[in-house]
Amino acid sequence: MSLSYHSYLKIEKLLSLQELESPDEHDEMLFIIIHQTYELWFKEMLHELDFVCSKLEAGNILQASHNLKRTLTVLKVVVHQIDILETMTPLEFLSFRDYLKSASGFQSYQWRELEFLLGLKSEIHLQRFQHEPEIWKKLNERFHAPSLWECFIGFLRTSGYDIPPWPPASQNTIPSQRPEQVTKALREIYYSNPPVAGFCELLVDLDEGIQEWRYRHVKMVERTIGYKQGTGGSAGVDYLKTTLFKPLFPDLWEVRTDFTP
């Protein structure tokens, strides 16, 4: 049998994955499709950022920049999908919410993978999956693998910048502990190395985009369920608000205060 559009993309299988828990609540279909689409985009972002890291390791900053730009475009789509979810009123969501039982977006392990890859490594989130061995294994690998920032620092070191070895991946490093050599290297890059400075600005775009996603997500949840407890026992809006305005790459924000005309 020759390859066709629907056989290549497994369309019949794909369209069979939307299984409603409620008997006939119209809006549950939208809810399922949106979240399945999120997971597909998370998969693509992981795929692209892993590729970016491999290109940084190979010293190919131009290819790394190209694929980071693609990731940013995907992230814009992820953020804008919230507009679709916000067409659902609170009462429309409540019509099927109880059928979700313990299921919660808080349990998205691909989002946790993304957080780990972006440097937000939390042992608490890793431990939440200890009763699901296959998922825990994936997350544990991400937890101990270099983050995107660590990959970038490695690229700078092999490119001749004087930066000391970065702490182990399992160790959280607060901005005040970061070496002065990083700030010095970033200042030099912005003044004299346009290709690498361009990559730095893409990282800032990524940081800003993730913060935008978090803010839009908080407001979407707030307008849908207010301050109710989230499904699956999560703290809902109160928890989500604690994730706001935490930069992924604080060095890239702080170095701006050092720029002079």
C-alpha atoms as a PDB file:
ATOM      1  CA  MET A   1       0.000   0.000   0.000  1.00  0.00           C
ATOM      2  CA  SER A   2       1.415   3.408  -1.006  1.00  0.00           C
ATOM      3  CA  LEU A   3       2.039   6.070   1.592  1.00  0.00           C
ATOM      4  CA  SER A   4      -0.754   8.614   1.829  1.00  0.00           C
ATOM      5  CA  TYR A   5      -1.328  11.769   3.823  1.00  0.00           C
ATOM      6  CA  HIS A   6      -3.583  10.065   6.365  1.00  0.00           C
ATOM      7  CA  SER A   7      -1.442   6.926   6.699  1.00  0.00           C
ATOM      8  CA  TYR A   8       1.768   8.966   7.115  1.00  0.00           C
ATOM      9  CA  LEU A   9       0.236  11.163   9.831  1.00  0.00           C
ATOM     10  CA  LYS A  10      -1.773   8.327  11.429  1.00  0.00           C
ATOM     11  CA  ILE A  11      -4.888  10.479  11.169  1.00  0.00           C
ATOM     12  CA  GLU A  12      -7.387   7.780  12.161  1.00  0.00           C
ATOM     13  CA  LYS A  13      -5.362   6.947  15.265  1.00  0.00           C
ATOM     14  CA  LEU A  14      -4.953  10.628  16.078  1.00  0.00           C
ATOM     15  CA  LEU A  15      -8.671  11.334  15.797  1.00  0.00           C
ATOM     16  CA  SER A  16      -9.509   8.372  18.019  1.00  0.00           C
ATOM     17  CA  LEU A  17      -7.581   9.798  20.993  1.00  0.00           C
ATOM     18  CA  GLN A  18     -10.249  12.285  22.095  1.00  0.00           C
ATOM     19  CA  GLU A  19     -12.173  10.164  24.576  1.00  0.00           C
ATOM     20  CA  LEU A  20     -14.630  12.161  26.660  1.00  0.00           C
ATOM     21  CA  GLU A  21     -15.127  11.318  30.329  1.00  0.00           C
ATOM     22  CA  SER A  22     -18.467  13.115  30.530  1.00  0.00           C
ATOM     23  CA  PRO A  23     -21.579  11.643  28.872  1.00  0.00           C
ATOM     24  CA  ASP A  24     -22.197  14.468  26.408  1.00  0.00           C
ATOM     25  CA  GLU A  25     -20.734  17.780  27.580  1.00  0.00           C
ATOM     26  CA  HIS A  26     -19.993  19.745  24.424  1.00  0.00           C
ATOM     27  CA  ASP A  27     -16.990  21.733  25.732  1.00  0.00           C
ATOM     28  CA  GLU A  28     -14.952  18.789  26.939  1.00  0.00           C
ATOM     29  CA  MET A  29     -13.874  18.069  23.346  1.00  0.00           C
ATOM     30  CA  LEU A  30     -12.223  21.487  23.084  1.00  0.00           C
ATOM     31  CA  PHE A  31     -10.536  20.994  26.463  1.00  0.00           C
ATOM     32  CA  ILE A  32      -9.030  17.663  25.417  1.00  0.00           C
ATOM     33  CA  ILE A  33      -7.865  18.817  21.987  1.00  0.00           C
ATOM     34  CA  ILE A  34      -6.223  21.966  23.385  1.00  0.00           C
ATOM     35  CA  HIS A  35      -4.260  20.023  25.986  1.00  0.00           C
ATOM     36  CA  GLN A  36      -3.267  17.248  23.607  1.00  0.00           C
ATOM     37  CA  THR A  37      -2.020  19.961  21.251  1.00  0.00           C
ATOM     38  CA  TYR A  38      -0.039  21.532  24.089  1.00  0.00           C
ATOM     39  CA  GLU A  39       1.688  18.207  24.670  1.00  0.00           C
ATOM     40  CA  LEU A  40       2.566  17.924  20.979  1.00  0.00           C
ATOM     41  CA  TRP A  41       4.075  21.410  21.023  1.00  0.00           C
ATOM     42  CA  PHE A  42       5.975  20.610  24.232  1.00  0.00           C
ATOM     43  CA  LYS A  43       7.394  17.581  22.445  1.00  0.00           C
ATOM     44  CA  GLU A  44       8.469  19.753  19.523  1.00  0.00           C
ATOM     45  CA  MET A  45      10.064  22.343  21.827  1.00  0.00           C
ATOM     46  CA  LEU A  46      12.051  19.630  23.592  1.00  0.00           C
ATOM     47  CA  HIS A  47      13.086  18.265  20.195  1.00  0.00           C
ATOM     48  CA  GLU A  48      14.288  21.690  19.022  1.00  0.00           C
ATOM     49  CA  LEU A  49      16.048  22.689  22.252  1.00  0.00           C
ATOM     50  CA  ASP A  50      17.898  19.368  22.398  1.00  0.00           C
ATOM     51  CA  PHE A  51      19.062  20.102  18.852  1.00  0.00           C
ATOM     52  CA  VAL A  52      20.107  23.622  19.886  1.00  0.00           C
ATOM     53  CA  CYS A  53      22.208  22.141  22.696  1.00  0.00           C
ATOM     54  CA  SER A  54      23.852  19.685  20.306  1.00  0.00           C
ATOM     55  CA  LYS A  55      24.743  22.523  17.925  1.00  0.00           C
ATOM     56  CA  LEU A  56      26.177  24.585  20.776  1.00  0.00           C
ATOM     57  CA  GLU A  57      28.307  21.600  21.735  1.00  0.00           C
ATOM     58  CA  ALA A  58      29.478  21.400  18.118  1.00  0.00           C
ATOM     59  CA  GLY A  59      30.295  25.127  18.127  1.00  0.00           C
ATOM     60  CA  ASN A  60      27.676  25.956  15.466  1.00  0.00           C
ATOM     61  CA  ILE A  61      26.086  29.132  16.848  1.00  0.00           C
ATOM     62  CA  LEU A  62      24.321  29.995  13.575  1.00  0.00           C
ATOM     63  CA  GLN A  63      22.424  26.700  13.400  1.00  0.00           C
ATOM     64  CA  ALA A  64      21.690  26.906  17.121  1.00  0.00           C
ATOM     65  CA  SER A  65      20.232  30.390  16.598  1.00  0.00           C
ATOM     66  CA  HIS A  66      18.097  29.210  13.679  1.00  0.00           C
ATOM     67  CA  ASN A  67      16.478  26.427  15.698  1.00  0.00           C
ATOM     68  CA  LEU A  68      16.068  28.599  18.770  1.00  0.00           C
ATOM     69  CA  LYS A  69      14.106  31.036  16.569  1.00  0.00           C
ATOM     70  CA  ARG A  70      11.864  28.138  15.535  1.00  0.00           C
ATOM     71  CA  THR A  71      11.328  27.259  19.193  1.00  0.00           C
ATOM     72  CA  LEU A  72      10.299  30.852  19.893  1.00  0.00           C
ATOM     73  CA  THR A  73       7.735  30.709  17.094  1.00  0.00           C
ATOM     74  CA  VAL A  74       6.276  27.509  18.561  1.00  0.00           C
ATOM     75  CA  LEU A  75       6.150  29.169  21.980  1.00  0.00           C
ATOM     76  CA  LYS A  76       4.129  32.049  20.522  1.00  0.00           C
ATOM     77  CA  VAL A  77       1.589  29.521  19.240  1.00  0.00           C
ATOM     78  CA  VAL A  78       1.490  27.852  22.684  1.00  0.00           C
ATOM     79  CA  VAL A  79       0.752  31.208  24.323  1.00  0.00           C
ATOM     80  CA  HIS A  80      -1.898  32.181  21.780  1.00  0.00           C
ATOM     81  CA  GLN A  81      -3.760  28.899  22.268  1.00  0.00           C
ATOM     82  CA  ILE A  82      -4.862  30.325  25.599  1.00  0.00           C
ATOM     83  CA  ASP A  83      -7.123  32.652  23.603  1.00  0.00           C
ATOM     84  CA  ILE A  84      -9.041  29.575  22.456  1.00  0.00           C
ATOM     85  CA  LEU A  85      -9.349  28.180  25.982  1.00  0.00           C
ATOM     86  CA  GLU A  86     -10.662  31.537  27.174  1.00  0.00           C
ATOM     87  CA  THR A  87     -13.673  31.196  24.894  1.00  0.00           C
ATOM     88  CA  MET A  88     -14.877  28.647  27.460  1.00  0.00           C
ATOM     89  CA  THR A  89     -16.896  30.278  30.218  1.00  0.00           C
ATOM     90  CA  PRO A  90     -16.573  29.224  33.887  1.00  0.00           C
ATOM     91  CA  LEU A  91     -19.960  27.482  33.740  1.00  0.00           C
ATOM     92  CA  GLU A  92     -19.018  25.611  30.567  1.00  0.00           C
ATOM     93  CA  PHE A  93     -15.869  24.297  32.265  1.00  0.00           C
ATOM     94  CA  LEU A  94     -17.773  23.393  35.426  1.00  0.00           C
ATOM     95  CA  SER A  95     -20.154  21.295  33.322  1.00  0.00           C
ATOM     96  CA  PHE A  96     -17.471  18.584  33.005  1.00  0.00           C
ATOM     97  CA  ARG A  97     -14.819  19.526  35.603  1.00  0.00           C
ATOM     98  CA  ASP A  98     -15.865  16.855  38.117  1.00  0.00           C
ATOM     99  CA  TYR A  99     -15.313  14.180  35.476  1.00  0.00           C
ATOM    100  CA  LEU A 100     -11.598  15.061  35.413  1.00  0.00           C
ATOM    101  CA  LYS A 101     -11.250  13.668  38.959  1.00  0.00           C
ATOM    102  CA  SER A 102      -7.531  13.678  39.834  1.00  0.00           C
ATOM    103  CA  ALA A 103      -6.282  14.609  36.341  1.00  0.00           C
ATOM    104  CA  SER A 104      -4.461  17.947  36.277  1.00  0.00           C
ATOM    105  CA  GLY A 105      -2.179  19.931  34.004  1.00  0.00           C
ATOM    106  CA  PHE A 106       0.116  20.015  37.046  1.00  0.00           C
ATOM    107  CA  GLN A 107       0.934  16.407  36.083  1.00  0.00           C
ATOM    108  CA  SER A 108       2.337  17.257  32.641  1.00  0.00           C
ATOM    109  CA  TYR A 109       5.728  15.574  32.748  1.00  0.00           C
ATOM    110  CA  GLN A 110       6.771  17.084  29.406  1.00  0.00           C
ATOM    111  CA  TRP A 111       6.323  20.552  30.902  1.00  0.00           C
ATOM    112  CA  ARG A 112       8.559  19.451  33.788  1.00  0.00           C
ATOM    113  CA  GLU A 113      11.080  18.210  31.233  1.00  0.00           C
ATOM    114  CA  LEU A 114      11.016  21.636  29.616  1.00  0.00           C
ATOM    115  CA  GLU A 115      11.488  23.344  32.961  1.00  0.00           C
ATOM    116  CA  PHE A 116      14.469  21.112  33.741  1.00  0.00           C
ATOM    117  CA  LEU A 117      15.998  21.735  30.313  1.00  0.00           C
ATOM    118  CA  LEU A 118      15.538  25.476  30.864  1.00  0.00           C
ATOM    119  CA  GLY A 119      17.332  25.237  34.200  1.00  0.00           C
ATOM    120  CA  LEU A 120      14.370  25.216  36.605  1.00  0.00           C
ATOM    121  CA  LYS A 121      15.298  21.964  38.330  1.00  0.00           C
ATOM    122  CA  SER A 122      13.183  20.954  41.300  1.00  0.00           C
ATOM    123  CA  GLU A 123      13.646  17.679  43.154  1.00  0.00           C
ATOM    124  CA  ILE A 124      10.073  18.061  44.440  1.00  0.00           C
ATOM    125  CA  HIS A 125       8.695  17.860  40.893  1.00  0.00           C
ATOM    126  CA  LEU A 126      10.962  14.892  40.199  1.00  0.00           C
ATOM    127  CA  GLN A 127       9.706  13.059  43.295  1.00  0.00           C
ATOM    128  CA  ARG A 128       6.080  13.582  42.282  1.00  0.00           C
ATOM    129  CA  PHE A 129       6.564  10.932  39.573  1.00  0.00           C
ATOM    130  CA  GLN A 130       8.420   8.344  41.638  1.00  0.00           C
ATOM    131  CA  HIS A 131       5.434   5.974  41.409  1.00  0.00           C
ATOM    132  CA  GLU A 132       5.523   6.110  37.599  1.00  0.00           C
ATOM    133  CA  PRO A 133       8.908   4.526  36.766  1.00  0.00           C
ATOM    134  CA  GLU A 134       9.031   5.254  33.025  1.00  0.00           C
ATOM    135  CA  ILE A 135       8.163   8.918  33.491  1.00  0.00           C
ATOM    136  CA  TRP A 136      10.485   9.243  36.478  1.00  0.00           C
ATOM    137  CA  LYS A 137      13.347   7.819  34.406  1.00  0.00           C
ATOM    138  CA  LYS A 138      12.842  10.450  31.681  1.00  0.00           C
ATOM    139  CA  LEU A 139      12.642  13.248  34.209  1.00  0.00           C
ATOM    140  CA  ASN A 140      15.642  12.001  36.159  1.00  0.00           C
ATOM    141  CA  GLU A 141      17.722  12.026  32.976  1.00  0.00           C
ATOM    142  CA  ARG A 142      16.604  15.596  32.279  1.00  0.00           C
ATOM    143  CA  PHE A 143      17.305  16.597  35.856  1.00  0.00           C
ATOM    144  CA  HIS A 144      20.931  15.488  35.662  1.00  0.00           C
ATOM    145  CA  ALA A 145      21.543  16.564  32.062  1.00  0.00           C
ATOM    146  CA  PRO A 146      23.010  20.002  31.241  1.00  0.00           C
ATOM    147  CA  SER A 147      20.449  22.777  30.969  1.00  0.00           C
ATOM    148  CA  LEU A 148      20.265  25.051  27.920  1.00  0.00           C
ATOM    149  CA  TRP A 149      22.202  27.725  29.828  1.00  0.00           C
ATOM    150  CA  GLU A 150      24.870  25.213  30.830  1.00  0.00           C
ATOM    151  CA  CYS A 151      25.190  24.212  27.169  1.00  0.00           C
ATOM    152  CA  PHE A 152      25.640  27.872  26.259  1.00  0.00           C
ATOM    153  CA  ILE A 153      28.254  28.365  28.980  1.00  0.00           C
ATOM    154  CA  GLY A 154      30.076  25.291  27.634  1.00  0.00           C
ATOM    155  CA  PHE A 155      30.011  26.837  24.153  1.00  0.00           C
ATOM    156  CA  LEU A 156      31.490  30.074  25.519  1.00  0.00           C
ATOM    157  CA  ARG A 157      34.227  28.188  27.352  1.00  0.00           C
ATOM    158  CA  THR A 158      35.283  26.243  24.246  1.00  0.00           C
ATOM    159  CA  SER A 159      35.122  29.496  22.251  1.00  0.00           C
ATOM    160  CA  GLY A 160      37.871  30.938  24.409  1.00  0.00           C
ATOM    161  CA  TYR A 161      36.001  32.855  27.088  1.00  0.00           C
ATOM    162  CA  ASP A 162      37.453  32.561  30.596  1.00  0.00           C
ATOM    163  CA  ILE A 163      34.576  30.993  32.506  1.00  0.00           C
ATOM    164  CA  PRO A 164      35.111  28.487  35.353  1.00  0.00           C
ATOM    165  CA  PRO A 165      33.367  25.089  35.364  1.00  0.00           C
ATOM    166  CA  TRP A 166      29.648  25.309  36.054  1.00  0.00           C
ATOM    167  CA  PRO A 167      28.172  23.589  39.146  1.00  0.00           C
ATOM    168  CA  PRO A 168      26.696  20.079  38.708  1.00  0.00           C
ATOM    169  CA  ALA A 169      23.268  19.931  37.055  1.00  0.00           C
ATOM    170  CA  SER A 170      21.640  18.676  40.250  1.00  0.00           C
ATOM    171  CA  GLN A 171      22.701  21.808  42.117  1.00  0.00           C
ATOM    172  CA  ASN A 172      20.529  24.929  42.112  1.00  0.00           C
ATOM    173  CA  THR A 173      22.609  28.057  41.638  1.00  0.00           C
ATOM    174  CA  ILE A 174      21.200  31.417  42.669  1.00  0.00           C
ATOM    175  CA  PRO A 175      22.243  34.538  40.725  1.00  0.00           C
ATOM    176  CA  SER A 176      24.459  35.884  43.562  1.00  0.00           C
ATOM    177  CA  GLN A 177      26.600  32.742  43.330  1.00  0.00           C
ATOM    178  CA  ARG A 178      27.290  33.109  39.625  1.00  0.00           C
ATOM    179  CA  PRO A 179      30.896  33.951  38.766  1.00  0.00           C
ATOM    180  CA  GLU A 180      31.918  37.466  37.720  1.00  0.00           C
ATOM    181  CA  GLN A 181      33.632  35.881  34.703  1.00  0.00           C
ATOM    182  CA  VAL A 182      30.181  35.224  33.175  1.00  0.00           C
ATOM    183  CA  THR A 183      29.187  38.881  33.420  1.00  0.00           C
ATOM    184  CA  LYS A 184      32.557  39.929  32.008  1.00  0.00           C
ATOM    185  CA  ALA A 185      32.186  37.500  29.076  1.00  0.00           C
ATOM    186  CA  LEU A 186      28.654  38.701  28.329  1.00  0.00           C
ATOM    187  CA  ARG A 187      29.771  42.335  28.285  1.00  0.00           C
ATOM    188  CA  GLU A 188      32.542  41.450  25.845  1.00  0.00           C
ATOM    189  CA  ILE A 189      30.137  39.452  23.661  1.00  0.00           C
ATOM    190  CA  TYR A 190      27.605  42.258  23.368  1.00  0.00           C
ATOM    191  CA  TYR A 191      30.288  44.763  22.375  1.00  0.00           C
ATOM    192  CA  SER A 192      32.348  42.633  20.013  1.00  0.00           C
ATOM    193  CA  ASN A 193      30.671  39.359  18.947  1.00  0.00           C
ATOM    194  CA  PRO A 194      27.387  39.991  17.054  1.00  0.00           C
ATOM    195  CA  PRO A 195      26.508  36.338  16.241  1.00  0.00           C
ATOM    196  CA  VAL A 196      26.788  35.261  19.872  1.00  0.00           C
ATOM    197  CA  ALA A 197      25.126  38.478  21.085  1.00  0.00           C
ATOM    198  CA  GLY A 198      22.244  37.641  18.736  1.00  0.00           C
ATOM    199  CA  PHE A 199      21.918  34.217  20.363  1.00  0.00           C
ATOM    200  CA  CYS A 200      21.882  35.901  23.788  1.00  0.00           C
ATOM    201  CA  GLU A 201      18.967  38.065  22.655  1.00  0.00           C
ATOM    202  CA  LEU A 202      17.105  34.960  21.483  1.00  0.00           C
ATOM    203  CA  LEU A 203      17.592  33.510  24.975  1.00  0.00           C
ATOM    204  CA  VAL A 204      16.088  36.704  26.405  1.00  0.00           C
ATOM    205  CA  ASP A 205      13.159  36.298  23.996  1.00  0.00           C
ATOM    206  CA  LEU A 206      12.722  32.734  25.231  1.00  0.00           C
ATOM    207  CA  ASP A 207      12.852  33.864  28.846  1.00  0.00           C
ATOM    208  CA  GLU A 208      10.286  36.592  28.194  1.00  0.00           C
ATOM    209  CA  GLY A 209       8.071  34.172  26.254  1.00  0.00           C
ATOM    210  CA  ILE A 210       8.035  31.619  29.087  1.00  0.00           C
ATOM    211  CA  GLN A 211       7.156  34.394  31.539  1.00  0.00           C
ATOM    212  CA  GLU A 212       4.348  35.514  29.223  1.00  0.00           C
ATOM    213  CA  TRP A 213       3.055  31.926  29.054  1.00  0.00           C
ATOM    214  CA  ARG A 214       3.037  31.686  32.843  1.00  0.00           C
ATOM    215  CA  TYR A 215       1.191  34.988  33.246  1.00  0.00           C
ATOM    216  CA  ARG A 216      -1.425  34.147  30.596  1.00  0.00           C
ATOM    217  CA  HIS A 217      -1.870  30.705  32.138  1.00  0.00           C
ATOM    218  CA  VAL A 218      -2.459  32.182  35.608  1.00  0.00           C
ATOM    219  CA  LYS A 219      -5.042  34.649  34.341  1.00  0.00           C
ATOM    220  CA  MET A 220      -6.806  31.985  32.284  1.00  0.00           C
ATOM    221  CA  VAL A 221      -7.123  29.718  35.330  1.00  0.00           C
ATOM    222  CA  GLU A 222      -8.223  32.638  37.509  1.00  0.00           C
ATOM    223  CA  ARG A 223     -10.983  33.715  35.122  1.00  0.00           C
ATOM    224  CA  THR A 224     -12.158  30.111  34.740  1.00  0.00           C
ATOM    225  CA  ILE A 225     -12.179  28.759  38.319  1.00  0.00           C
ATOM    226  CA  GLY A 226     -11.272  31.787  40.453  1.00  0.00           C
ATOM    227  CA  TYR A 227      -9.380  30.725  43.578  1.00  0.00           C
ATOM    228  CA  LYS A 228     -10.810  27.218  43.813  1.00  0.00           C
ATOM    229  CA  GLN A 229      -8.401  24.351  44.399  1.00  0.00           C
ATOM    230  CA  GLY A 230      -7.086  22.957  41.141  1.00  0.00           C
ATOM    231  CA  THR A 231      -8.003  19.515  39.836  1.00  0.00           C
ATOM    232  CA  GLY A 232      -5.786  16.774  41.218  1.00  0.00           C
ATOM    233  CA  GLY A 233      -5.492  18.658  44.512  1.00  0.00           C
ATOM    234  CA  SER A 234      -3.129  21.356  43.223  1.00  0.00           C
ATOM    235  CA  ALA A 235      -3.291  24.814  44.780  1.00  0.00           C
ATOM    236  CA  GLY A 236      -4.594  26.342  41.546  1.00  0.00           C
ATOM    237  CA  VAL A 237      -4.047  30.066  41.059  1.00  0.00           C
ATOM    238  CA  ASP A 238      -2.132  30.492  44.333  1.00  0.00           C
ATOM    239  CA  TYR A 239       0.509  28.006  43.191  1.00  0.00           C
ATOM    240  CA  LEU A 240       0.690  29.375  39.654  1.00  0.00           C
ATOM    241  CA  LYS A 241       1.305  32.897  40.946  1.00  0.00           C
ATOM    242  CA  THR A 242       4.446  31.690  42.741  1.00  0.00           C
ATOM    243  CA  THR A 243       5.958  30.807  39.353  1.00  0.00           C
ATOM    244  CA  LEU A 244       5.665  34.329  37.932  1.00  0.00           C
ATOM    245  CA  PHE A 245       8.536  36.694  37.182  1.00  0.00           C
ATOM    246  CA  LYS A 246      11.340  34.234  37.842  1.00  0.00           C
ATOM    247  CA  PRO A 247      13.882  34.699  35.040  1.00  0.00           C
ATOM    248  CA  LEU A 248      15.506  31.704  33.411  1.00  0.00           C
ATOM    249  CA  PHE A 249      18.687  33.579  32.533  1.00  0.00           C
ATOM    250  CA  PRO A 250      19.193  36.311  35.164  1.00  0.00           C
ATOM    251  CA  ASP A 251      22.720  37.078  33.931  1.00  0.00           C
ATOM    252  CA  LEU A 252      21.332  38.243  30.592  1.00  0.00           C
ATOM    253  CA  TRP A 253      18.963  40.654  32.326  1.00  0.00           C
ATOM    254  CA  GLU A 254      21.506  41.924  34.851  1.00  0.00           C
ATOM    255  CA  VAL A 255      24.258  42.609  32.319  1.00  0.00           C
ATOM    256  CA  ARG A 256      22.123  45.337  30.751  1.00  0.00           C
ATOM    257  CA  THR A 257      22.826  47.646  33.663  1.00  0.00           C
ATOM    258  CA  ASP A 258      26.507  47.565  32.692  1.00  0.00           C
ATOM    259  CA  PHE A 259      26.029  48.811  29.123  1.00  0.00           C
ATOM    260  CA  THR A 260      27.333  52.284  28.348  1.00  0.00           C
ATOM    261  CA  PRO A 261      27.027  54.386  25.149  1.00  0.00           C
END
